[in-house]
């Protein structure tokens, strides 16, 4: 009998808590839309959700500076790509490849040779 009462109290309490959380979330969205914060949050979520890599992130992955020549980037890329091919880390290998692609676009936009 006591277990049944306790179970009912837990179920009722969790239902009340869930409704309160939903109501608080709705109120937060309403307040945010009044301040223009909601639009900014959506834009940030879209940016984070995209697969595009920033130039800074690409340079960090390859371990190069902004003054690095394209040949240096290729050397770092080859070394890191091969090292991750040997250890079997496909994730890191793909990050290295994406970093090279990102920097290739940057260098082409600047008019520097990537050939």
PDB file of N, CA and C in Angstrom:
ATOM      1  N   UNK A   1       0.829  -1.194   0.000  1.00  0.00           N
ATOM      2  CA  UNK A   1       0.000   0.000   0.000  1.00  0.00           C
ATOM      3  C   UNK A   1       0.871   1.255   0.000  1.00  0.00           C
ATOM      4  N   UNK A   2       1.900   1.284   0.839  1.00  0.00           N
ATOM      5  CA  UNK A   2       2.769   2.459   0.916  1.00  0.00           C
ATOM      6  C   UNK A   2       3.563   2.620  -0.377  1.00  0.00           C
ATOM      7  N   UNK A   3       3.961   1.520  -0.988  1.00  0.00           N
ATOM      8  CA  UNK A   3       4.719   1.583  -2.240  1.00  0.00           C
ATOM      9  C   UNK A   3       3.859   2.172  -3.352  1.00  0.00           C
ATOM     10  N   UNK A   4       2.580   1.826  -3.371  1.00  0.00           N
ATOM     11  CA  UNK A   4       1.670   2.341  -4.386  1.00  0.00           C
ATOM     12  C   UNK A   4       1.491   3.845  -4.221  1.00  0.00           C
ATOM     13  N   UNK A   5       1.349   4.302  -2.991  1.00  0.00           N
ATOM     14  CA  UNK A   5       1.208   5.732  -2.715  1.00  0.00           C
ATOM     15  C   UNK A   5       2.484   6.474  -3.105  1.00  0.00           C
ATOM     16  N   UNK A   6       3.623   5.905  -2.758  1.00  0.00           N
ATOM     17  CA  UNK A   6       4.903   6.516  -3.097  1.00  0.00           C
ATOM     18  C   UNK A   6       5.077   6.601  -4.612  1.00  0.00           C
ATOM     19  N   UNK A   7       4.713   5.543  -5.331  1.00  0.00           N
ATOM     20  CA  UNK A   7       4.824   5.538  -6.788  1.00  0.00           C
ATOM     21  C   UNK A   7       3.924   6.605  -7.399  1.00  0.00           C
ATOM     22  N   UNK A   8       2.701   6.732  -6.876  1.00  0.00           N
ATOM     23  CA  UNK A   8       1.784   7.767  -7.371  1.00  0.00           C
ATOM     24  C   UNK A   8       2.323   9.159  -7.110  1.00  0.00           C
ATOM     25  N   UNK A   9       2.920   9.375  -5.945  1.00  0.00           N
ATOM     26  CA  UNK A   9       3.503  10.680  -5.630  1.00  0.00           C
ATOM     27  C   UNK A   9       4.664  11.013  -6.571  1.00  0.00           C
ATOM     28  N   UNK A  10       5.488  10.025  -6.864  1.00  0.00           N
ATOM     29  CA  UNK A  10       6.624  10.245  -7.774  1.00  0.00           C
ATOM     30  C   UNK A  10       6.127  10.581  -9.176  1.00  0.00           C
ATOM     31  N   UNK A  11       5.122   9.861  -9.650  1.00  0.00           N
ATOM     32  CA  UNK A  11       4.578  10.108 -10.986  1.00  0.00           C
ATOM     33  C   UNK A  11       3.935  11.484 -11.054  1.00  0.00           C
ATOM     34  N   UNK A  12       3.148  11.837 -10.038  1.00  0.00           N
ATOM     35  CA  UNK A  12       2.507  13.162 -10.021  1.00  0.00           C
ATOM     36  C   UNK A  12       3.553  14.269  -9.933  1.00  0.00           C
ATOM     37  N   UNK A  13       4.557  14.065  -9.119  1.00  0.00           N
ATOM     38  CA  UNK A  13       5.605  15.072  -8.962  1.00  0.00           C
ATOM     39  C   UNK A  13       6.396  15.282 -10.241  1.00  0.00           C
ATOM     40  N   UNK A  14       6.702  14.188 -10.938  1.00  0.00           N
ATOM     41  CA  UNK A  14       7.459  14.329 -12.186  1.00  0.00           C
ATOM     42  C   UNK A  14       6.609  15.001 -13.258  1.00  0.00           C
ATOM     43  N   UNK A  15       5.321  14.753 -13.264  1.00  0.00           N
ATOM     44  CA  UNK A  15       4.422  15.427 -14.216  1.00  0.00           C
ATOM     45  C   UNK A  15       4.357  16.919 -13.951  1.00  0.00           C
ATOM     46  N   UNK A  16       4.264  17.288 -12.697  1.00  0.00           N
ATOM     47  CA  UNK A  16       4.235  18.710 -12.328  1.00  0.00           C
ATOM     48  C   UNK A  16       5.555  19.370 -12.693  1.00  0.00           C
ATOM     49  N   UNK A  17       6.643  18.680 -12.435  1.00  0.00           N
ATOM     50  CA  UNK A  17       7.964  19.227 -12.739  1.00  0.00           C
ATOM     51  C   UNK A  17       8.142  19.401 -14.247  1.00  0.00           C
ATOM     52  N   UNK A  18       7.688  18.445 -15.029  1.00  0.00           N
ATOM     53  CA  UNK A  18       7.812  18.532 -16.492  1.00  0.00           C
ATOM     54  C   UNK A  18       7.018  19.716 -17.023  1.00  0.00           C
ATOM     55  N   UNK A  19       5.808  19.905 -16.523  1.00  0.00           N
ATOM     56  CA  UNK A  19       5.002  21.050 -16.964  1.00  0.00           C
ATOM     57  C   UNK A  19       5.661  22.364 -16.582  1.00  0.00           C
ATOM     58  N   UNK A  20       6.264  22.424 -15.413  1.00  0.00           N
ATOM     59  CA  UNK A  20       6.944  23.643 -14.976  1.00  0.00           C
ATOM     60  C   UNK A  20       8.151  23.957 -15.862  1.00  0.00           C
ATOM     61  N   UNK A  21       8.893  22.926 -16.240  1.00  0.00           N
ATOM     62  CA  UNK A  21      10.057  23.125 -17.107  1.00  0.00           C
ATOM     63  C   UNK A  21       9.617  23.634 -18.480  1.00  0.00           C
ATOM     64  N   UNK A  22       8.572  23.038 -19.040  1.00  0.00           N
ATOM     65  CA  UNK A  22       8.062  23.475 -20.334  1.00  0.00           C
ATOM     66  C   UNK A  22       7.584  24.922 -20.258  1.00  0.00           C
ATOM     67  N   UNK A  23       6.868  25.259 -19.201  1.00  0.00           N
ATOM     68  CA  UNK A  23       6.367  26.629 -19.038  1.00  0.00           C
ATOM     69  C   UNK A  23       7.534  27.611 -18.891  1.00  0.00           C
ATOM     70  N   UNK A  24       8.553  27.250 -18.140  1.00  0.00           N
ATOM     71  CA  UNK A  24       9.717  28.125 -17.973  1.00  0.00           C
ATOM     72  C   UNK A  24      10.454  28.296 -19.296  1.00  0.00           C
ATOM     73  N   UNK A  25      10.557  27.251 -20.085  1.00  0.00           N
ATOM     74  CA  UNK A  25      11.223  27.329 -21.384  1.00  0.00           C
ATOM     75  C   UNK A  25      10.457  28.261 -22.317  1.00  0.00           C
ATOM     76  N   UNK A  26       9.151  28.108 -22.343  1.00  0.00           N
ATOM     77  CA  UNK A  26       8.329  28.999 -23.180  1.00  0.00           C
ATOM     78  C   UNK A  26       8.484  30.451 -22.759  1.00  0.00           C
ATOM     79  N   UNK A  27       8.504  30.688 -21.458  1.00  0.00           N
ATOM     80  CA  UNK A  27       8.665  32.054 -20.964  1.00  0.00           C
ATOM     81  C   UNK A  27      10.043  32.609 -21.338  1.00  0.00           C
ATOM     82  N   UNK A  28      11.059  31.768 -21.251  1.00  0.00           N
ATOM     83  CA  UNK A  28      12.406  32.198 -21.630  1.00  0.00           C
ATOM     84  C   UNK A  28      12.458  32.565 -23.107  1.00  0.00           C
ATOM     85  N   UNK A  29      11.802  31.774 -23.966  1.00  0.00           N
ATOM     86  CA  UNK A  29      11.755  32.098 -25.395  1.00  0.00           C
ATOM     87  C   UNK A  29      11.021  33.400 -25.649  1.00  0.00           C
ATOM     88  N   UNK A  30       9.938  33.617 -24.919  1.00  0.00           N
ATOM     89  CA  UNK A  30       9.194  34.859 -25.066  1.00  0.00           C
ATOM     90  C   UNK A  30      10.055  36.049 -24.666  1.00  0.00           C
ATOM     91  N   UNK A  31      10.744  35.945 -23.553  1.00  0.00           N
ATOM     92  CA  UNK A  31      11.619  37.030 -23.097  1.00  0.00           C
ATOM     93  C   UNK A  31      12.767  37.258 -24.069  1.00  0.00           C
ATOM     94  N   UNK A  32      13.318  36.190 -24.591  1.00  0.00           N
ATOM     95  CA  UNK A  32      14.440  36.309 -25.514  1.00  0.00           C
ATOM     96  C   UNK A  32      14.008  36.967 -26.815  1.00  0.00           C
ATOM     97  N   UNK A  33      12.815  36.633 -27.301  1.00  0.00           N
ATOM     98  CA  UNK A  33      12.365  37.228 -28.561  1.00  0.00           C
ATOM     99  C   UNK A  33      12.096  38.719 -28.399  1.00  0.00           C
ATOM    100  N   UNK A  34      11.722  39.139 -27.212  1.00  0.00           N
ATOM    101  CA  UNK A  34      11.521  40.571 -26.962  1.00  0.00           C
ATOM    102  C   UNK A  34      12.837  41.328 -27.023  1.00  0.00           C
ATOM    103  N   UNK A  35      13.924  40.675 -26.638  1.00  0.00           N
ATOM    104  CA  UNK A  35      15.236  41.321 -26.609  1.00  0.00           C
ATOM    105  C   UNK A  35      16.042  41.096 -27.877  1.00  0.00           C
ATOM    106  N   UNK A  36      15.545  40.283 -28.798  1.00  0.00           N
ATOM    107  CA  UNK A  36      16.295  39.974 -30.005  1.00  0.00           C
ATOM    108  C   UNK A  36      17.350  38.910 -29.781  1.00  0.00           C
ATOM    109  N   UNK A  37      17.393  38.339 -28.614  1.00  0.00           N
ATOM    110  CA  UNK A  37      18.392  37.321 -28.293  1.00  0.00           C
ATOM    111  C   UNK A  37      18.079  36.019 -29.018  1.00  0.00           C
ATOM    112  N   UNK A  38      16.811  35.747 -29.249  1.00  0.00           N
ATOM    113  CA  UNK A  38      16.428  34.483 -29.879  1.00  0.00           C
ATOM    114  C   UNK A  38      17.016  34.372 -31.278  1.00  0.00           C
ATOM    115  N   UNK A  39      16.942  35.440 -32.052  1.00  0.00           N
ATOM    116  CA  UNK A  39      17.481  35.408 -33.407  1.00  0.00           C
ATOM    117  C   UNK A  39      18.985  35.169 -33.393  1.00  0.00           C
ATOM    118  N   UNK A  40      19.666  35.824 -32.472  1.00  0.00           N
ATOM    119  CA  UNK A  40      21.115  35.643 -32.354  1.00  0.00           C
ATOM    120  C   UNK A  40      21.447  34.207 -31.953  1.00  0.00           C
ATOM    121  N   UNK A  41      20.666  33.646 -31.051  1.00  0.00           N
ATOM    122  CA  UNK A  41      20.904  32.267 -30.613  1.00  0.00           C
ATOM    123  C   UNK A  41      20.696  31.291 -31.760  1.00  0.00           C
ATOM    124  N   UNK A  42      19.682  31.523 -32.566  1.00  0.00           N
ATOM    125  CA  UNK A  42      19.424  30.657 -33.718  1.00  0.00           C
ATOM    126  C   UNK A  42      20.582  30.756 -34.707  1.00  0.00           C
ATOM    127  N   UNK A  43      21.062  31.970 -34.970  1.00  0.00           N
ATOM    128  CA  UNK A  43      22.181  32.145 -35.900  1.00  0.00           C
ATOM    129  C   UNK A  43      23.434  31.444 -35.387  1.00  0.00           C
ATOM    130  N   UNK A  44      23.696  31.548 -34.081  1.00  0.00           N
ATOM    131  CA  UNK A  44      24.859  30.872 -33.502  1.00  0.00           C
ATOM    132  C   UNK A  44      24.725  29.361 -33.604  1.00  0.00           C
ATOM    133  N   UNK A  45      23.523  28.849 -33.393  1.00  0.00           N
ATOM    134  CA  UNK A  45      23.290  27.412 -33.495  1.00  0.00           C
ATOM    135  C   UNK A  45      23.507  26.944 -34.930  1.00  0.00           C
ATOM    136  N   UNK A  46      23.095  27.745 -35.894  1.00  0.00           N
ATOM    137  CA  UNK A  46      23.296  27.386 -37.291  1.00  0.00           C
ATOM    138  C   UNK A  46      24.784  27.361 -37.605  1.00  0.00           C
ATOM    139  N   UNK A  47      25.514  28.365 -37.129  1.00  0.00           N
ATOM    140  CA  UNK A  47      26.949  28.415 -37.374  1.00  0.00           C
ATOM    141  C   UNK A  47      27.662  27.225 -36.750  1.00  0.00           C
ATOM    142  N   UNK A  48      27.270  26.891 -35.510  1.00  0.00           N
ATOM    143  CA  UNK A  48      27.901  25.758 -34.834  1.00  0.00           C
ATOM    144  C   UNK A  48      27.555  24.450 -35.502  1.00  0.00           C
ATOM    145  N   UNK A  49      26.350  24.347 -36.033  1.00  0.00           N
ATOM    146  CA  UNK A  49      25.903  23.115 -36.662  1.00  0.00           C
ATOM    147  C   UNK A  49      26.527  22.879 -38.022  1.00  0.00           C
ATOM    148  N   UNK A  50      27.026  23.922 -38.651  1.00  0.00           N
ATOM    149  CA  UNK A  50      27.625  23.738 -39.968  1.00  0.00           C
ATOM    150  C   UNK A  50      28.978  23.067 -39.829  1.00  0.00           C
ATOM    151  N   UNK A  51      29.385  22.437 -40.902  1.00  0.00           N
ATOM    152  CA  UNK A  51      30.632  21.682 -40.890  1.00  0.00           C
ATOM    153  C   UNK A  51      31.820  22.540 -41.303  1.00  0.00           C
ATOM    154  N   UNK A  52      31.579  23.809 -41.590  1.00  0.00           N
ATOM    155  CA  UNK A  52      32.658  24.679 -42.048  1.00  0.00           C
ATOM    156  C   UNK A  52      33.692  24.887 -40.939  1.00  0.00           C
ATOM    157  N   UNK A  53      34.943  24.827 -41.335  1.00  0.00           N
ATOM    158  CA  UNK A  53      36.045  25.007 -40.399  1.00  0.00           C
ATOM    159  C   UNK A  53      36.593  26.420 -40.582  1.00  0.00           C
ATOM    160  N   UNK A  54      36.916  27.066 -39.501  1.00  0.00           N
ATOM    161  CA  UNK A  54      37.495  28.393 -39.585  1.00  0.00           C
ATOM    162  C   UNK A  54      38.980  28.292 -39.906  1.00  0.00           C
ATOM    163  N   UNK A  55      39.522  29.386 -40.428  1.00  0.00           N
ATOM    164  CA  UNK A  55      40.946  29.405 -40.754  1.00  0.00           C
ATOM    165  C   UNK A  55      41.785  29.192 -39.496  1.00  0.00           C
ATOM    166  N   UNK A  56      41.372  29.817 -38.400  1.00  0.00           N
ATOM    167  CA  UNK A  56      42.126  29.677 -37.149  1.00  0.00           C
ATOM    168  C   UNK A  56      42.138  28.221 -36.682  1.00  0.00           C
ATOM    169  N   UNK A  57      40.984  27.554 -36.756  1.00  0.00           N
ATOM    170  CA  UNK A  57      40.909  26.149 -36.354  1.00  0.00           C
ATOM    171  C   UNK A  57      41.786  25.282 -37.250  1.00  0.00           C
ATOM    172  N   UNK A  58      41.774  25.569 -38.544  1.00  0.00           N
ATOM    173  CA  UNK A  58      42.592  24.806 -39.486  1.00  0.00           C
ATOM    174  C   UNK A  58      44.077  24.971 -39.167  1.00  0.00           C
ATOM    175  N   UNK A  59      44.478  26.185 -38.846  1.00  0.00           N
ATOM    176  CA  UNK A  59      45.883  26.434 -38.510  1.00  0.00           C
ATOM    177  C   UNK A  59      46.265  25.719 -37.210  1.00  0.00           C
ATOM    178  N   UNK A  60      45.352  25.672 -36.261  1.00  0.00           N
ATOM    179  CA  UNK A  60      45.629  24.976 -35.004  1.00  0.00           C
ATOM    180  C   UNK A  60      45.778  23.474 -35.236  1.00  0.00           C
ATOM    181  N   UNK A  61      44.924  22.916 -36.076  1.00  0.00           N
ATOM    182  CA  UNK A  61      44.978  21.485 -36.338  1.00  0.00           C
ATOM    183  C   UNK A  61      46.303  21.106 -36.993  1.00  0.00           C
ATOM    184  N   UNK A  62      46.730  21.919 -37.959  1.00  0.00           N
ATOM    185  CA  UNK A  62      47.980  21.618 -38.657  1.00  0.00           C
ATOM    186  C   UNK A  62      49.209  22.115 -37.909  1.00  0.00           C
ATOM    187  N   UNK A  63      49.009  22.955 -36.906  1.00  0.00           N
ATOM    188  CA  UNK A  63      50.122  23.455 -36.110  1.00  0.00           C
ATOM    189  C   UNK A  63      51.001  24.422 -36.874  1.00  0.00           C
ATOM    190  N   UNK A  64      50.362  25.341 -37.595  1.00  0.00           N
ATOM    191  CA  UNK A  64      51.122  26.320 -38.375  1.00  0.00           C
ATOM    192  C   UNK A  64      50.700  27.730 -37.993  1.00  0.00           C
ATOM    193  N   UNK A  65      51.519  28.699 -38.382  1.00  0.00           N
ATOM    194  CA  UNK A  65      51.221  30.105 -38.112  1.00  0.00           C
ATOM    195  C   UNK A  65      50.637  30.749 -39.368  1.00  0.00           C
ATOM    196  N   UNK A  66      50.215  31.997 -39.218  1.00  0.00           N
ATOM    197  CA  UNK A  66      49.661  32.712 -40.364  1.00  0.00           C
ATOM    198  C   UNK A  66      50.720  33.027 -41.407  1.00  0.00           C
ATOM    199  N   UNK A  67      51.978  33.043 -41.006  1.00  0.00           N
ATOM    200  CA  UNK A  67      53.064  33.364 -41.931  1.00  0.00           C
ATOM    201  C   UNK A  67      53.562  32.143 -42.693  1.00  0.00           C
ATOM    202  N   UNK A  68      52.979  30.992 -42.468  1.00  0.00           N
ATOM    203  CA  UNK A  68      53.464  29.753 -43.091  1.00  0.00           C
ATOM    204  C   UNK A  68      53.228  29.778 -44.600  1.00  0.00           C
ATOM    205  N   UNK A  69      54.211  29.299 -45.319  1.00  0.00           N
ATOM    206  CA  UNK A  69      54.090  29.177 -46.768  1.00  0.00           C
ATOM    207  C   UNK A  69      53.263  27.941 -47.108  1.00  0.00           C
ATOM    208  N   UNK A  70      52.734  27.907 -48.331  1.00  0.00           N
ATOM    209  CA  UNK A  70      51.890  26.790 -48.737  1.00  0.00           C
ATOM    210  C   UNK A  70      52.663  25.474 -48.706  1.00  0.00           C
ATOM    211  N   UNK A  71      53.941  25.515 -49.027  1.00  0.00           N
ATOM    212  CA  UNK A  71      54.765  24.309 -48.999  1.00  0.00           C
ATOM    213  C   UNK A  71      54.869  23.744 -47.579  1.00  0.00           C
ATOM    214  N   UNK A  72      54.975  24.640 -46.593  1.00  0.00           N
ATOM    215  CA  UNK A  72      55.015  24.207 -45.194  1.00  0.00           C
ATOM    216  C   UNK A  72      53.709  23.542 -44.783  1.00  0.00           C
ATOM    217  N   UNK A  73      52.614  24.095 -45.269  1.00  0.00           N
ATOM    218  CA  UNK A  73      51.297  23.527 -44.964  1.00  0.00           C
ATOM    219  C   UNK A  73      51.194  22.118 -45.548  1.00  0.00           C
ATOM    220  N   UNK A  74      51.661  21.970 -46.782  1.00  0.00           N
ATOM    221  CA  UNK A  74      51.610  20.639 -47.410  1.00  0.00           C
ATOM    222  C   UNK A  74      52.478  19.631 -46.674  1.00  0.00           C
ATOM    223  N   UNK A  75      53.645  20.063 -46.203  1.00  0.00           N
ATOM    224  CA  UNK A  75      54.521  19.159 -45.453  1.00  0.00           C
ATOM    225  C   UNK A  75      53.848  18.706 -44.159  1.00  0.00           C
ATOM    226  N   UNK A  76      53.259  19.668 -43.421  1.00  0.00           N
ATOM    227  CA  UNK A  76      52.569  19.331 -42.170  1.00  0.00           C
ATOM    228  C   UNK A  76      51.375  18.416 -42.452  1.00  0.00           C
ATOM    229  N   UNK A  77      50.643  18.740 -43.512  1.00  0.00           N
ATOM    230  CA  UNK A  77      49.478  17.939 -43.882  1.00  0.00           C
ATOM    231  C   UNK A  77      49.899  16.500 -44.166  1.00  0.00           C
ATOM    232  N   UNK A  78      50.906  16.332 -45.015  1.00  0.00           N
ATOM    233  CA  UNK A  78      51.356  14.984 -45.372  1.00  0.00           C
ATOM    234  C   UNK A  78      51.795  14.198 -44.141  1.00  0.00           C
ATOM    235  N   UNK A  79      52.574  14.852 -43.272  1.00  0.00           N
ATOM    236  CA  UNK A  79      53.074  14.170 -42.073  1.00  0.00           C
ATOM    237  C   UNK A  79      51.925  13.748 -41.161  1.00  0.00           C
ATOM    238  N   UNK A  80      50.991  14.655 -40.893  1.00  0.00           N
ATOM    239  CA  UNK A  80      49.872  14.345 -39.995  1.00  0.00           C
ATOM    240  C   UNK A  80      48.920  13.324 -40.616  1.00  0.00           C
ATOM    241  N   UNK A  81      48.679  13.458 -41.906  1.00  0.00           N
ATOM    242  CA  UNK A  81      47.767  12.537 -42.579  1.00  0.00           C
ATOM    243  C   UNK A  81      48.321  11.115 -42.533  1.00  0.00           C
ATOM    244  N   UNK A  82      49.608  10.976 -42.844  1.00  0.00           N
ATOM    245  CA  UNK A  82      50.235   9.647 -42.820  1.00  0.00           C
ATOM    246  C   UNK A  82      50.302   9.075 -41.406  1.00  0.00           C
ATOM    247  N   UNK A  83      50.618   9.920 -40.431  1.00  0.00           N
ATOM    248  CA  UNK A  83      50.695   9.451 -39.044  1.00  0.00           C
ATOM    249  C   UNK A  83      49.345   8.905 -38.589  1.00  0.00           C
ATOM    250  N   UNK A  84      48.263   9.597 -38.947  1.00  0.00           N
ATOM    251  CA  UNK A  84      46.938   9.134 -38.541  1.00  0.00           C
ATOM    252  C   UNK A  84      46.466   7.958 -39.378  1.00  0.00           C
ATOM    253  N   UNK A  85      47.001   7.800 -40.578  1.00  0.00           N
ATOM    254  CA  UNK A  85      46.683   6.620 -41.381  1.00  0.00           C
ATOM    255  C   UNK A  85      47.289   5.376 -40.747  1.00  0.00           C
ATOM    256  N   UNK A  86      48.471   5.534 -40.177  1.00  0.00           N
ATOM    257  CA  UNK A  86      49.148   4.393 -39.553  1.00  0.00           C
ATOM    258  C   UNK A  86      48.490   3.991 -38.237  1.00  0.00           C
ATOM    259  N   UNK A  87      48.054   4.989 -37.441  1.00  0.00           N
ATOM    260  CA  UNK A  87      47.452   4.682 -36.141  1.00  0.00           C
ATOM    261  C   UNK A  87      45.977   4.325 -36.270  1.00  0.00           C
ATOM    262  N   UNK A  88      45.393   4.559 -37.442  1.00  0.00           N
ATOM    263  CA  UNK A  88      44.016   4.162 -37.663  1.00  0.00           C
ATOM    264  C   UNK A  88      42.975   5.134 -37.169  1.00  0.00           C
ATOM    265  N   UNK A  89      43.351   6.405 -36.959  1.00  0.00           N
ATOM    266  CA  UNK A  89      42.383   7.387 -36.497  1.00  0.00           C
ATOM    267  C   UNK A  89      41.780   8.112 -37.695  1.00  0.00           C
ATOM    268  N   UNK A  90      40.672   7.577 -38.193  1.00  0.00           N
ATOM    269  CA  UNK A  90      40.013   8.172 -39.351  1.00  0.00           C
ATOM    270  C   UNK A  90      39.482   9.568 -39.023  1.00  0.00           C
ATOM    271  N   UNK A  91      38.994   9.773 -37.800  1.00  0.00           N
ATOM    272  CA  UNK A  91      38.466  11.075 -37.401  1.00  0.00           C
ATOM    273  C   UNK A  91      39.554  12.149 -37.504  1.00  0.00           C
ATOM    274  N   UNK A  92      40.718  11.875 -36.917  1.00  0.00           N
ATOM    275  CA  UNK A  92      41.799  12.856 -36.968  1.00  0.00           C
ATOM    276  C   UNK A  92      42.298  13.047 -38.399  1.00  0.00           C
ATOM    277  N   UNK A  93      42.330  11.980 -39.132  1.00  0.00           N
ATOM    278  CA  UNK A  93      42.758  12.068 -40.520  1.00  0.00           C
ATOM    279  C   UNK A  93      41.810  12.966 -41.313  1.00  0.00           C
ATOM    280  N   UNK A  94      40.527  12.851 -41.074  1.00  0.00           N
ATOM    281  CA  UNK A  94      39.562  13.691 -41.785  1.00  0.00           C
ATOM    282  C   UNK A  94      39.654  15.149 -41.334  1.00  0.00           C
ATOM    283  N   UNK A  95      39.929  15.374 -40.050  1.00  0.00           N
ATOM    284  CA  UNK A  95      40.110  16.753 -39.566  1.00  0.00           C
ATOM    285  C   UNK A  95      41.318  17.395 -40.231  1.00  0.00           C
ATOM    286  N   UNK A  96      42.396  16.647 -40.376  1.00  0.00           N
ATOM    287  CA  UNK A  96      43.601  17.154 -41.035  1.00  0.00           C
ATOM    288  C   UNK A  96      43.286  17.488 -42.492  1.00  0.00           C
ATOM    289  N   UNK A  97      42.541  16.621 -43.140  1.00  0.00           N
ATOM    290  CA  UNK A  97      42.180  16.856 -44.537  1.00  0.00           C
ATOM    291  C   UNK A  97      41.299  18.099 -44.676  1.00  0.00           C
ATOM    292  N   UNK A  98      40.319  18.248 -43.792  1.00  0.00           N
ATOM    293  CA  UNK A  98      39.439  19.427 -43.827  1.00  0.00           C
ATOM    294  C   UNK A  98      40.230  20.710 -43.554  1.00  0.00           C
ATOM    295  N   UNK A  99      41.211  20.627 -42.677  1.00  0.00           N
ATOM    296  CA  UNK A  99      42.047  21.795 -42.386  1.00  0.00           C
ATOM    297  C   UNK A  99      42.823  22.211 -43.630  1.00  0.00           C
ATOM    298  N   UNK A 100      43.375  21.237 -44.336  1.00  0.00           N
ATOM    299  CA  UNK A 100      44.110  21.546 -45.568  1.00  0.00           C
ATOM    300  C   UNK A 100      43.175  22.158 -46.604  1.00  0.00           C
ATOM    301  N   UNK A 101      41.979  21.598 -46.741  1.00  0.00           N
ATOM    302  CA  UNK A 101      41.010  22.144 -47.699  1.00  0.00           C
ATOM    303  C   UNK A 101      40.653  23.586 -47.366  1.00  0.00           C
ATOM    304  N   UNK A 102      40.433  23.850 -46.093  1.00  0.00           N
ATOM    305  CA  UNK A 102      40.085  25.204 -45.640  1.00  0.00           C
ATOM    306  C   UNK A 102      41.195  26.187 -45.990  1.00  0.00           C
ATOM    307  N   UNK A 103      42.420  25.817 -45.660  1.00  0.00           N
ATOM    308  CA  UNK A 103      43.553  26.711 -45.931  1.00  0.00           C
ATOM    309  C   UNK A 103      43.825  26.830 -47.428  1.00  0.00           C
ATOM    310  N   UNK A 104      43.541  25.783 -48.172  1.00  0.00           N
ATOM    311  CA  UNK A 104      43.695  25.855 -49.623  1.00  0.00           C
ATOM    312  C   UNK A 104      42.770  26.920 -50.192  1.00  0.00           C
ATOM    313  N   UNK A 105      41.518  26.958 -49.698  1.00  0.00           N
ATOM    314  CA  UNK A 105      40.571  27.984 -50.135  1.00  0.00           C
ATOM    315  C   UNK A 105      41.053  29.383 -49.756  1.00  0.00           C
ATOM    316  N   UNK A 106      41.606  29.512 -48.552  1.00  0.00           N
ATOM    317  CA  UNK A 106      42.091  30.807 -48.087  1.00  0.00           C
ATOM    318  C   UNK A 106      43.254  31.280 -48.964  1.00  0.00           C
ATOM    319  N   UNK A 107      44.189  30.388 -49.237  1.00  0.00           N
ATOM    320  CA  UNK A 107      45.362  30.759 -50.030  1.00  0.00           C
ATOM    321  C   UNK A 107      44.982  31.058 -51.471  1.00  0.00           C
ATOM    322  N   UNK A 108      43.999  30.328 -52.011  1.00  0.00           N
ATOM    323  CA  UNK A 108      43.533  30.615 -53.383  1.00  0.00           C
ATOM    324  C   UNK A 108      42.850  31.966 -53.436  1.00  0.00           C
ATOM    325  N   UNK A 109      42.088  32.315 -52.409  1.00  0.00           N
ATOM    326  CA  UNK A 109      41.404  33.605 -52.367  1.00  0.00           C
ATOM    327  C   UNK A 109      42.419  34.753 -52.288  1.00  0.00           C
ATOM    328  N   UNK A 110      43.532  34.506 -51.619  1.00  0.00           N
ATOM    329  CA  UNK A 110      44.583  35.525 -51.507  1.00  0.00           C
ATOM    330  C   UNK A 110      45.420  35.613 -52.779  1.00  0.00           C
ATOM    331  N   UNK A 111      45.258  34.647 -53.670  1.00  0.00           N
ATOM    332  CA  UNK A 111      46.021  34.653 -54.901  1.00  0.00           C
ATOM    333  C   UNK A 111      47.380  34.018 -54.791  1.00  0.00           C
ATOM    334  N   UNK A 112      47.642  33.325 -53.678  1.00  0.00           N
ATOM    335  CA  UNK A 112      48.930  32.653 -53.491  1.00  0.00           C
ATOM    336  C   UNK A 112      48.832  31.256 -54.097  1.00  0.00           C
ATOM    337  N   UNK A 113      49.945  30.749 -54.518  1.00  0.00           N
ATOM    338  CA  UNK A 113      49.972  29.451 -55.198  1.00  0.00           C
ATOM    339  C   UNK A 113      49.643  28.302 -54.283  1.00  0.00           C
ATOM    340  N   UNK A 114      48.785  27.400 -54.758  1.00  0.00           N
ATOM    341  CA  UNK A 114      48.482  26.167 -54.024  1.00  0.00           C
ATOM    342  C   UNK A 114      48.783  24.970 -54.882  1.00  0.00           C
ATOM    343  N   UNK A 115      49.466  25.156 -55.946  1.00  0.00           N
ATOM    344  CA  UNK A 115      49.740  24.067 -56.879  1.00  0.00           C
ATOM    345  C   UNK A 115      50.941  23.367 -56.498  1.00  0.00           C
TER     346      UNK A 115
END
